[in-house]
Amino acid sequence: MIDPKAARTGENATTSGPPKLGGLDQLDWLMIVASVLLGTVAKQHHFLDLPDGFHEWVLPFLLMAAGYKARAIVSELIEGRRARAKNLGD
């Protein structure tokens, strides 16, 4: 049985928040899974009568690229608001 009072050591002991798996955080994994699932569903339903290779490779890649772009935009907006709030608070 694992001792819950045992001291945590190692690289994850000092980090707070969700753990990273293989260098990717939970939002990265969620985007990957959603992209693959949407590609699979599109392939099964012959979305726009495109070839299967498009649904298996190109569509998930495009969805991931769009997800990372949206994530970058949201991060910039959040940082901008934090900077303005900090300037107003000073």
C-alpha atoms as a PDB file:
ATOM      1  CA  MET A   1       0.000   0.000   0.000  1.00  0.00           C
ATOM      2  CA  ILE A   2       1.242   3.490  -0.811  1.00  0.00           C
ATOM      3  CA  ASP A   3       1.934   5.730   2.161  1.00  0.00           C
ATOM      4  CA  PRO A   4      -0.037   8.979   1.615  1.00  0.00           C
ATOM      5  CA  LYS A   5       2.227  10.844   4.063  1.00  0.00           C
ATOM      6  CA  ALA A   6       5.407   9.954   2.179  1.00  0.00           C
ATOM      7  CA  ALA A   7       7.372  12.934   0.875  1.00  0.00           C
ATOM      8  CA  ARG A   8       7.060  13.504  -2.839  1.00  0.00           C
ATOM      9  CA  THR A   9      10.337  13.919  -4.646  1.00  0.00           C
ATOM     10  CA  GLY A  10      11.304  14.275  -8.264  1.00  0.00           C
ATOM     11  CA  GLU A  11      10.362  16.656 -11.038  1.00  0.00           C
ATOM     12  CA  ASN A  12       6.606  16.376 -10.501  1.00  0.00           C
ATOM     13  CA  ALA A  13       6.813  17.106  -6.786  1.00  0.00           C
ATOM     14  CA  THR A  14       7.224  20.841  -7.235  1.00  0.00           C
ATOM     15  CA  THR A  15       4.796  21.383 -10.112  1.00  0.00           C
ATOM     16  CA  SER A  16       1.219  22.296  -9.514  1.00  0.00           C
ATOM     17  CA  GLY A  17      -1.677  21.629 -11.822  1.00  0.00           C
ATOM     18  CA  PRO A  18      -2.337  18.671 -14.079  1.00  0.00           C
ATOM     19  CA  PRO A  19       0.610  16.433 -14.930  1.00  0.00           C
ATOM     20  CA  LYS A  20       2.137  16.401 -18.378  1.00  0.00           C
ATOM     21  CA  LEU A  21       2.207  13.120 -20.218  1.00  0.00           C
ATOM     22  CA  GLY A  22       5.032  12.821 -22.706  1.00  0.00           C
ATOM     23  CA  GLY A  23       5.524  16.578 -22.807  1.00  0.00           C
ATOM     24  CA  LEU A  24       1.865  17.209 -23.674  1.00  0.00           C
ATOM     25  CA  ASP A  25      -0.688  18.585 -21.258  1.00  0.00           C
ATOM     26  CA  GLN A  26      -4.302  17.485 -20.968  1.00  0.00           C
ATOM     27  CA  LEU A  27      -5.582  20.021 -23.487  1.00  0.00           C
ATOM     28  CA  ASP A  28      -3.071  18.748 -26.075  1.00  0.00           C
ATOM     29  CA  TRP A  29      -4.274  15.189 -25.558  1.00  0.00           C
ATOM     30  CA  LEU A  30      -7.900  16.304 -25.747  1.00  0.00           C
ATOM     31  CA  MET A  31      -7.251  18.036 -29.087  1.00  0.00           C
ATOM     32  CA  ILE A  32      -5.494  14.930 -30.439  1.00  0.00           C
ATOM     33  CA  VAL A  33      -8.301  12.588 -29.419  1.00  0.00           C
ATOM     34  CA  ALA A  34     -11.004  14.937 -30.735  1.00  0.00           C
ATOM     35  CA  SER A  35      -9.187  15.315 -34.073  1.00  0.00           C
ATOM     36  CA  VAL A  36      -8.821  11.570 -34.533  1.00  0.00           C
ATOM     37  CA  LEU A  37     -12.429  10.905 -33.535  1.00  0.00           C
ATOM     38  CA  LEU A  38     -13.765  13.572 -35.895  1.00  0.00           C
ATOM     39  CA  GLY A  39     -11.614  12.169 -38.701  1.00  0.00           C
ATOM     40  CA  THR A  40     -12.926   8.673 -38.017  1.00  0.00           C
ATOM     41  CA  VAL A  41     -16.552   9.800 -37.953  1.00  0.00           C
ATOM     42  CA  ALA A  42     -16.047  11.819 -41.156  1.00  0.00           C
ATOM     43  CA  LYS A  43     -14.524   8.755 -42.830  1.00  0.00           C
ATOM     44  CA  GLN A  44     -17.385   6.487 -41.771  1.00  0.00           C
ATOM     45  CA  HIS A  45     -20.011   8.908 -43.067  1.00  0.00           C
ATOM     46  CA  HIS A  46     -18.088   9.777 -46.258  1.00  0.00           C
ATOM     47  CA  PHE A  47     -17.983  13.470 -45.391  1.00  0.00           C
ATOM     48  CA  LEU A  48     -18.054  15.528 -48.625  1.00  0.00           C
ATOM     49  CA  ASP A  49     -17.149  12.372 -50.584  1.00  0.00           C
ATOM     50  CA  LEU A  50     -13.454  12.931 -49.947  1.00  0.00           C
ATOM     51  CA  PRO A  51     -10.948  10.039 -50.107  1.00  0.00           C
ATOM     52  CA  ASP A  52     -10.282   7.994 -46.986  1.00  0.00           C
ATOM     53  CA  GLY A  53      -6.638   9.119 -46.857  1.00  0.00           C
ATOM     54  CA  PHE A  54      -7.816  12.698 -46.461  1.00  0.00           C
ATOM     55  CA  HIS A  55     -10.009  11.735 -43.506  1.00  0.00           C
ATOM     56  CA  GLU A  56      -7.305   9.608 -41.904  1.00  0.00           C
ATOM     57  CA  TRP A  57      -4.384  12.025 -42.225  1.00  0.00           C
ATOM     58  CA  VAL A  58      -5.166  15.475 -43.589  1.00  0.00           C
ATOM     59  CA  LEU A  59      -8.351  16.262 -41.653  1.00  0.00           C
ATOM     60  CA  PRO A  60      -6.904  15.392 -38.206  1.00  0.00           C
ATOM     61  CA  PHE A  61      -3.764  17.385 -39.054  1.00  0.00           C
ATOM     62  CA  LEU A  62      -5.822  20.415 -40.072  1.00  0.00           C
ATOM     63  CA  LEU A  63      -7.944  20.123 -36.936  1.00  0.00           C
ATOM     64  CA  MET A  64      -4.811  19.982 -34.771  1.00  0.00           C
ATOM     65  CA  ALA A  65      -3.328  23.003 -36.528  1.00  0.00           C
ATOM     66  CA  ALA A  66      -6.560  24.942 -36.009  1.00  0.00           C
ATOM     67  CA  GLY A  67      -6.658  23.860 -32.349  1.00  0.00           C
ATOM     68  CA  TYR A  68      -3.107  25.044 -31.679  1.00  0.00           C
ATOM     69  CA  LYS A  69      -3.762  28.334 -33.485  1.00  0.00           C
ATOM     70  CA  ALA A  70      -6.914  28.923 -31.427  1.00  0.00           C
ATOM     71  CA  ARG A  71      -5.031  28.033 -28.248  1.00  0.00           C
ATOM     72  CA  ALA A  72      -2.277  30.535 -29.088  1.00  0.00           C
ATOM     73  CA  ILE A  73      -4.828  33.285 -29.757  1.00  0.00           C
ATOM     74  CA  VAL A  74      -6.643  32.614 -26.478  1.00  0.00           C
ATOM     75  CA  SER A  75      -3.333  32.587 -24.578  1.00  0.00           C
ATOM     76  CA  GLU A  76      -2.365  35.955 -26.088  1.00  0.00           C
ATOM     77  CA  LEU A  77      -5.745  37.437 -25.182  1.00  0.00           C
ATOM     78  CA  ILE A  78      -5.465  36.197 -21.603  1.00  0.00           C
ATOM     79  CA  GLU A  79      -1.929  37.539 -21.232  1.00  0.00           C
ATOM     80  CA  GLY A  80      -3.023  40.909 -22.636  1.00  0.00           C
ATOM     81  CA  ARG A  81      -5.876  41.166 -20.157  1.00  0.00           C
ATOM     82  CA  ARG A  82      -3.606  40.211 -17.268  1.00  0.00           C
ATOM     83  CA  ALA A  83      -1.090  42.851 -18.314  1.00  0.00           C
ATOM     84  CA  ARG A  84      -3.799  45.522 -18.526  1.00  0.00           C
ATOM     85  CA  ALA A  85      -5.214  44.491 -15.152  1.00  0.00           C
ATOM     86  CA  LYS A  86      -1.747  44.647 -13.628  1.00  0.00           C
ATOM     87  CA  ASN A  87      -1.152  48.119 -15.098  1.00  0.00           C
ATOM     88  CA  LEU A  88      -4.492  49.376 -13.823  1.00  0.00           C
ATOM     89  CA  GLY A  89      -3.812  47.909 -10.386  1.00  0.00           C
ATOM     90  CA  ASP A  90      -0.436  49.655 -10.018  1.00  0.00           C
END
